[in-house]
Amino acid sequence: MLEVFHRLGTTGEGVERFGMVALDVPPQADLLKIRELLEHGETKEWWHWEEGCVTAAWEATARP
């Protein structure tokens, strides 16, 4: 799963034992596609995600 996010410009690591992943999303990454993928996965109940330390550019990708 991480490979898909890495192709969009993120870095991160997974803790398989706990089924957790932490992603680092730099400003130059494809923010819109990353958000779309996160939301799609949540809709399909593949995962739940949370945000932390977000930028205005990331917030601008949120749907109204």
PDB file of N, CA and C in Angstrom:
ATOM      1  N   MET A   1       0.815  -1.192   0.000  1.00  0.00           N
ATOM      2  CA  MET A   1       0.000   0.000   0.000  1.00  0.00           C
ATOM      3  C   MET A   1       0.858   1.255   0.000  1.00  0.00           C
ATOM      4  N   LEU A   2       1.936   1.276   0.743  1.00  0.00           N
ATOM      5  CA  LEU A   2       2.767   2.472   0.807  1.00  0.00           C
ATOM      6  C   LEU A   2       3.334   2.871  -0.547  1.00  0.00           C
ATOM      7  N   GLU A   3       3.571   1.901  -1.411  1.00  0.00           N
ATOM      8  CA  GLU A   3       4.159   2.205  -2.719  1.00  0.00           C
ATOM      9  C   GLU A   3       3.280   3.167  -3.513  1.00  0.00           C
ATOM     10  N   VAL A   4       1.975   3.002  -3.432  1.00  0.00           N
ATOM     11  CA  VAL A   4       1.051   3.880  -4.154  1.00  0.00           C
ATOM     12  C   VAL A   4       1.209   5.315  -3.659  1.00  0.00           C
ATOM     13  N   PHE A   5       1.285   5.495  -2.358  1.00  0.00           N
ATOM     14  CA  PHE A   5       1.456   6.829  -1.802  1.00  0.00           C
ATOM     15  C   PHE A   5       2.843   7.390  -2.118  1.00  0.00           C
ATOM     16  N   HIS A   6       3.868   6.542  -2.100  1.00  0.00           N
ATOM     17  CA  HIS A   6       5.218   7.006  -2.412  1.00  0.00           C
ATOM     18  C   HIS A   6       5.300   7.522  -3.838  1.00  0.00           C
ATOM     19  N   ARG A   7       4.572   6.882  -4.763  1.00  0.00           N
ATOM     20  CA  ARG A   7       4.566   7.346  -6.154  1.00  0.00           C
ATOM     21  C   ARG A   7       3.952   8.735  -6.292  1.00  0.00           C
ATOM     22  N   LEU A   8       3.139   9.135  -5.325  1.00  0.00           N
ATOM     23  CA  LEU A   8       2.512  10.465  -5.351  1.00  0.00           C
ATOM     24  C   LEU A   8       3.347  11.506  -4.613  1.00  0.00           C
ATOM     25  N   GLY A   9       4.533  11.106  -4.140  1.00  0.00           N
ATOM     26  CA  GLY A   9       5.454  12.066  -3.540  1.00  0.00           C
ATOM     27  C   GLY A   9       5.560  12.029  -2.029  1.00  0.00           C
ATOM     28  N   THR A  10       4.940  11.047  -1.381  1.00  0.00           N
ATOM     29  CA  THR A  10       5.019  10.973   0.074  1.00  0.00           C
ATOM     30  C   THR A  10       6.195  10.108   0.504  1.00  0.00           C
ATOM     31  N   THR A  11       6.531  10.214   1.763  1.00  0.00           N
ATOM     32  CA  THR A  11       7.427   9.272   2.409  1.00  0.00           C
ATOM     33  C   THR A  11       6.665   8.753   3.615  1.00  0.00           C
ATOM     34  N   GLY A  12       7.136   7.704   4.192  1.00  0.00           N
ATOM     35  CA  GLY A  12       6.453   7.186   5.369  1.00  0.00           C
ATOM     36  C   GLY A  12       6.855   5.771   5.670  1.00  0.00           C
ATOM     37  N   GLU A  13       6.261   5.251   6.719  1.00  0.00           N
ATOM     38  CA  GLU A  13       6.570   3.894   7.133  1.00  0.00           C
ATOM     39  C   GLU A  13       5.341   3.244   7.731  1.00  0.00           C
ATOM     40  N   GLY A  14       5.332   1.949   7.699  1.00  0.00           N
ATOM     41  CA  GLY A  14       4.224   1.200   8.265  1.00  0.00           C
ATOM     42  C   GLY A  14       4.663   0.388   9.468  1.00  0.00           C
ATOM     43  N   VAL A  15       3.740   0.172  10.355  1.00  0.00           N
ATOM     44  CA  VAL A  15       3.954  -0.696  11.499  1.00  0.00           C
ATOM     45  C   VAL A  15       2.941  -1.829  11.329  1.00  0.00           C
ATOM     46  N   GLU A  16       3.332  -2.842  10.568  1.00  0.00           N
ATOM     47  CA  GLU A  16       2.407  -3.908  10.200  1.00  0.00           C
ATOM     48  C   GLU A  16       1.798  -4.603  11.410  1.00  0.00           C
ATOM     49  N   ARG A  17       2.572  -4.741  12.440  1.00  0.00           N
ATOM     50  CA  ARG A  17       2.085  -5.423  13.648  1.00  0.00           C
ATOM     51  C   ARG A  17       0.801  -4.792  14.177  1.00  0.00           C
ATOM     52  N   PHE A  18       0.691  -3.473  14.040  1.00  0.00           N
ATOM     53  CA  PHE A  18      -0.474  -2.750  14.530  1.00  0.00           C
ATOM     54  C   PHE A  18      -1.388  -2.276  13.402  1.00  0.00           C
ATOM     55  N   GLY A  19      -1.017  -2.564  12.155  1.00  0.00           N
ATOM     56  CA  GLY A  19      -1.830  -2.131  11.024  1.00  0.00           C
ATOM     57  C   GLY A  19      -1.868  -0.622  10.886  1.00  0.00           C
ATOM     58  N   MET A  20      -0.755   0.025  11.174  1.00  0.00           N
ATOM     59  CA  MET A  20      -0.701   1.494  11.125  1.00  0.00           C
ATOM     60  C   MET A  20       0.332   1.952  10.105  1.00  0.00           C
ATOM     61  N   VAL A  21       0.074   3.118   9.544  1.00  0.00           N
ATOM     62  CA  VAL A  21       0.987   3.745   8.595  1.00  0.00           C
ATOM     63  C   VAL A  21       1.067   5.222   8.938  1.00  0.00           C
ATOM     64  N   ALA A  22       2.261   5.775   8.842  1.00  0.00           N
ATOM     65  CA  ALA A  22       2.451   7.220   9.005  1.00  0.00           C
ATOM     66  C   ALA A  22       3.024   7.758   7.699  1.00  0.00           C
ATOM     67  N   LEU A  23       2.362   8.753   7.141  1.00  0.00           N
ATOM     68  CA  LEU A  23       2.811   9.353   5.889  1.00  0.00           C
ATOM     69  C   LEU A  23       3.300  10.768   6.135  1.00  0.00           C
ATOM     70  N   ASP A  24       4.373  11.115   5.473  1.00  0.00           N
ATOM     71  CA  ASP A  24       4.885  12.473   5.453  1.00  0.00           C
ATOM     72  C   ASP A  24       4.548  13.011   4.071  1.00  0.00           C
ATOM     73  N   VAL A  25       3.771  14.083   4.008  1.00  0.00           N
ATOM     74  CA  VAL A  25       3.315  14.624   2.723  1.00  0.00           C
ATOM     75  C   VAL A  25       3.950  15.999   2.525  1.00  0.00           C
ATOM     76  N   PRO A  26       5.029  16.064   1.747  1.00  0.00           N
ATOM     77  CA  PRO A  26       5.677  17.346   1.512  1.00  0.00           C
ATOM     78  C   PRO A  26       4.839  18.232   0.593  1.00  0.00           C
ATOM     79  N   PRO A  27       5.055  19.536   0.641  1.00  0.00           N
ATOM     80  CA  PRO A  27       4.246  20.471  -0.159  1.00  0.00           C
ATOM     81  C   PRO A  27       4.307  20.214  -1.662  1.00  0.00           C
ATOM     82  N   GLN A  28       5.401  19.676  -2.164  1.00  0.00           N
ATOM     83  CA  GLN A  28       5.527  19.448  -3.608  1.00  0.00           C
ATOM     84  C   GLN A  28       4.855  18.152  -4.064  1.00  0.00           C
ATOM     85  N   ALA A  29       4.342  17.355  -3.140  1.00  0.00           N
ATOM     86  CA  ALA A  29       3.639  16.113  -3.490  1.00  0.00           C
ATOM     87  C   ALA A  29       2.302  16.453  -4.152  1.00  0.00           C
ATOM     88  N   ASP A  30       1.725  15.470  -4.810  1.00  0.00           N
ATOM     89  CA  ASP A  30       0.432  15.654  -5.474  1.00  0.00           C
ATOM     90  C   ASP A  30      -0.677  15.599  -4.416  1.00  0.00           C
ATOM     91  N   LEU A  31      -0.907  16.718  -3.747  1.00  0.00           N
ATOM     92  CA  LEU A  31      -1.813  16.774  -2.604  1.00  0.00           C
ATOM     93  C   LEU A  31      -3.231  16.346  -2.945  1.00  0.00           C
ATOM     94  N   LEU A  32      -3.730  16.788  -4.073  1.00  0.00           N
ATOM     95  CA  LEU A  32      -5.102  16.443  -4.447  1.00  0.00           C
ATOM     96  C   LEU A  32      -5.259  14.933  -4.650  1.00  0.00           C
ATOM     97  N   LYS A  33      -4.336  14.324  -5.369  1.00  0.00           N
ATOM     98  CA  LYS A  33      -4.423  12.876  -5.608  1.00  0.00           C
ATOM     99  C   LYS A  33      -4.253  12.091  -4.311  1.00  0.00           C
ATOM    100  N   ILE A  34      -3.395  12.566  -3.418  1.00  0.00           N
ATOM    101  CA  ILE A  34      -3.209  11.893  -2.138  1.00  0.00           C
ATOM    102  C   ILE A  34      -4.498  11.942  -1.334  1.00  0.00           C
ATOM    103  N   ARG A  35      -5.122  13.112  -1.274  1.00  0.00           N
ATOM    104  CA  ARG A  35      -6.388  13.227  -0.545  1.00  0.00           C
ATOM    105  C   ARG A  35      -7.462  12.339  -1.179  1.00  0.00           C
ATOM    106  N   GLU A  36      -7.544  12.344  -2.514  1.00  0.00           N
ATOM    107  CA  GLU A  36      -8.530  11.508  -3.200  1.00  0.00           C
ATOM    108  C   GLU A  36      -8.315  10.030  -2.870  1.00  0.00           C
ATOM    109  N   LEU A  37      -7.071   9.587  -2.848  1.00  0.00           N
ATOM    110  CA  LEU A  37      -6.779   8.195  -2.529  1.00  0.00           C
ATOM    111  C   LEU A  37      -7.145   7.880  -1.076  1.00  0.00           C
ATOM    112  N   LEU A  38      -6.823   8.778  -0.167  1.00  0.00           N
ATOM    113  CA  LEU A  38      -7.183   8.568   1.240  1.00  0.00           C
ATOM    114  C   LEU A  38      -8.700   8.479   1.407  1.00  0.00           C
ATOM    115  N   GLU A  39      -9.412   9.397   0.774  1.00  0.00           N
ATOM    116  CA  GLU A  39     -10.873   9.399   0.892  1.00  0.00           C
ATOM    117  C   GLU A  39     -11.490   8.166   0.228  1.00  0.00           C
ATOM    118  N   HIS A  40     -10.945   7.751  -0.896  1.00  0.00           N
ATOM    119  CA  HIS A  40     -11.446   6.559  -1.583  1.00  0.00           C
ATOM    120  C   HIS A  40     -11.266   5.328  -0.692  1.00  0.00           C
ATOM    121  N   GLY A  41     -10.088   5.188  -0.104  1.00  0.00           N
ATOM    122  CA  GLY A  41      -9.828   4.057   0.770  1.00  0.00           C
ATOM    123  C   GLY A  41     -10.729   4.051   1.984  1.00  0.00           C
ATOM    124  N   GLU A  42     -11.039   5.218   2.505  1.00  0.00           N
ATOM    125  CA  GLU A  42     -11.936   5.283   3.655  1.00  0.00           C
ATOM    126  C   GLU A  42     -13.365   4.920   3.245  1.00  0.00           C
ATOM    127  N   THR A  43     -13.786   5.375   2.076  1.00  0.00           N
ATOM    128  CA  THR A  43     -15.117   5.031   1.570  1.00  0.00           C
ATOM    129  C   THR A  43     -15.261   3.516   1.394  1.00  0.00           C
ATOM    130  N   LYS A  44     -14.208   2.877   0.921  1.00  0.00           N
ATOM    131  CA  LYS A  44     -14.218   1.426   0.719  1.00  0.00           C
ATOM    132  C   LYS A  44     -13.986   0.660   2.028  1.00  0.00           C
ATOM    133  N   GLU A  45     -13.783   1.397   3.118  1.00  0.00           N
ATOM    134  CA  GLU A  45     -13.507   0.826   4.439  1.00  0.00           C
ATOM    135  C   GLU A  45     -12.209   0.019   4.470  1.00  0.00           C
ATOM    136  N   TRP A  46     -11.230   0.465   3.663  1.00  0.00           N
ATOM    137  CA  TRP A  46      -9.914  -0.151   3.691  1.00  0.00           C
ATOM    138  C   TRP A  46      -9.107   0.407   4.849  1.00  0.00           C
ATOM    139  N   TRP A  47      -9.375   1.670   5.205  1.00  0.00           N
ATOM    140  CA  TRP A  47      -8.651   2.316   6.290  1.00  0.00           C
ATOM    141  C   TRP A  47      -9.414   3.512   6.808  1.00  0.00           C
ATOM    142  N   HIS A  48      -8.944   4.021   7.920  1.00  0.00           N
ATOM    143  CA  HIS A  48      -9.389   5.285   8.509  1.00  0.00           C
ATOM    144  C   HIS A  48      -8.143   6.153   8.554  1.00  0.00           C
ATOM    145  N   TRP A  49      -8.298   7.426   8.301  1.00  0.00           N
ATOM    146  CA  TRP A  49      -7.116   8.287   8.346  1.00  0.00           C
ATOM    147  C   TRP A  49      -7.388   9.537   9.154  1.00  0.00           C
ATOM    148  N   GLU A  50      -6.320  10.080   9.678  1.00  0.00           N
ATOM    149  CA  GLU A  50      -6.374  11.305  10.473  1.00  0.00           C
ATOM    150  C   GLU A  50      -5.279  12.246  10.002  1.00  0.00           C
ATOM    151  N   GLU A  51      -5.499  13.526  10.205  1.00  0.00           N
ATOM    152  CA  GLU A  51      -4.533  14.545   9.802  1.00  0.00           C
ATOM    153  C   GLU A  51      -3.834  15.114  11.028  1.00  0.00           C
ATOM    154  N   GLY A  52      -2.628  15.572  10.801  1.00  0.00           N
ATOM    155  CA  GLY A  52      -1.892  16.278  11.839  1.00  0.00           C
ATOM    156  C   GLY A  52      -0.923  17.242  11.195  1.00  0.00           C
ATOM    157  N   CYS A  53      -0.748  18.389  11.778  1.00  0.00           N
ATOM    158  CA  CYS A  53       0.203  19.394  11.277  1.00  0.00           C
ATOM    159  C   CYS A  53      -0.021  19.703   9.797  1.00  0.00           C
ATOM    160  N   VAL A  54      -1.230  20.084   9.441  1.00  0.00           N
ATOM    161  CA  VAL A  54      -1.558  20.327   8.038  1.00  0.00           C
ATOM    162  C   VAL A  54      -1.258  21.763   7.627  1.00  0.00           C
ATOM    163  N   THR A  55      -1.073  21.943   6.333  1.00  0.00           N
ATOM    164  CA  THR A  55      -0.809  23.266   5.770  1.00  0.00           C
ATOM    165  C   THR A  55      -2.067  23.803   5.099  1.00  0.00           C
ATOM    166  N   ALA A  56      -2.032  25.075   4.762  1.00  0.00           N
ATOM    167  CA  ALA A  56      -3.160  25.686   4.058  1.00  0.00           C
ATOM    168  C   ALA A  56      -3.329  25.016   2.680  1.00  0.00           C
ATOM    169  N   ALA A  57      -2.232  24.634   2.042  1.00  0.00           N
ATOM    170  CA  ALA A  57      -2.326  23.975   0.733  1.00  0.00           C
ATOM    171  C   ALA A  57      -3.063  22.633   0.863  1.00  0.00           C
ATOM    172  N   TRP A  58      -2.796  21.892   1.932  1.00  0.00           N
ATOM    173  CA  TRP A  58      -3.500  20.626   2.155  1.00  0.00           C
ATOM    174  C   TRP A  58      -4.979  20.877   2.444  1.00  0.00           C
ATOM    175  N   GLU A  59      -5.261  21.836   3.280  1.00  0.00           N
ATOM    176  CA  GLU A  59      -6.658  22.156   3.607  1.00  0.00           C
ATOM    177  C   GLU A  59      -7.437  22.593   2.372  1.00  0.00           C
ATOM    178  N   ALA A  60      -6.749  23.232   1.421  1.00  0.00           N
ATOM    179  CA  ALA A  60      -7.423  23.694   0.201  1.00  0.00           C
ATOM    180  C   ALA A  60      -7.888  22.537  -0.679  1.00  0.00           C
ATOM    181  N   THR A  61      -7.360  21.330  -0.474  1.00  0.00           N
ATOM    182  CA  THR A  61      -7.777  20.181  -1.271  1.00  0.00           C
ATOM    183  C   THR A  61      -9.054  19.538  -0.715  1.00  0.00           C
ATOM    184  N   ALA A  62      -9.500  19.965   0.456  1.00  0.00           N
ATOM    185  CA  ALA A  62     -10.693  19.379   1.080  1.00  0.00           C
ATOM    186  C   ALA A  62     -11.943  19.766   0.302  1.00  0.00           C
ATOM    187  N   ARG A  63     -12.852  18.834   0.225  1.00  0.00           N
ATOM    188  CA  ARG A  63     -14.127  19.128  -0.446  1.00  0.00           C
ATOM    189  C   ARG A  63     -14.987  19.993   0.473  1.00  0.00           C
ATOM    190  N   PRO A  64     -15.721  20.941  -0.130  1.00  0.00           N
ATOM    191  CA  PRO A  64     -16.561  21.834   0.708  1.00  0.00           C
ATOM    192  C   PRO A  64     -17.709  21.096   1.382  1.00  0.00           C
TER     193      PRO A  64
END
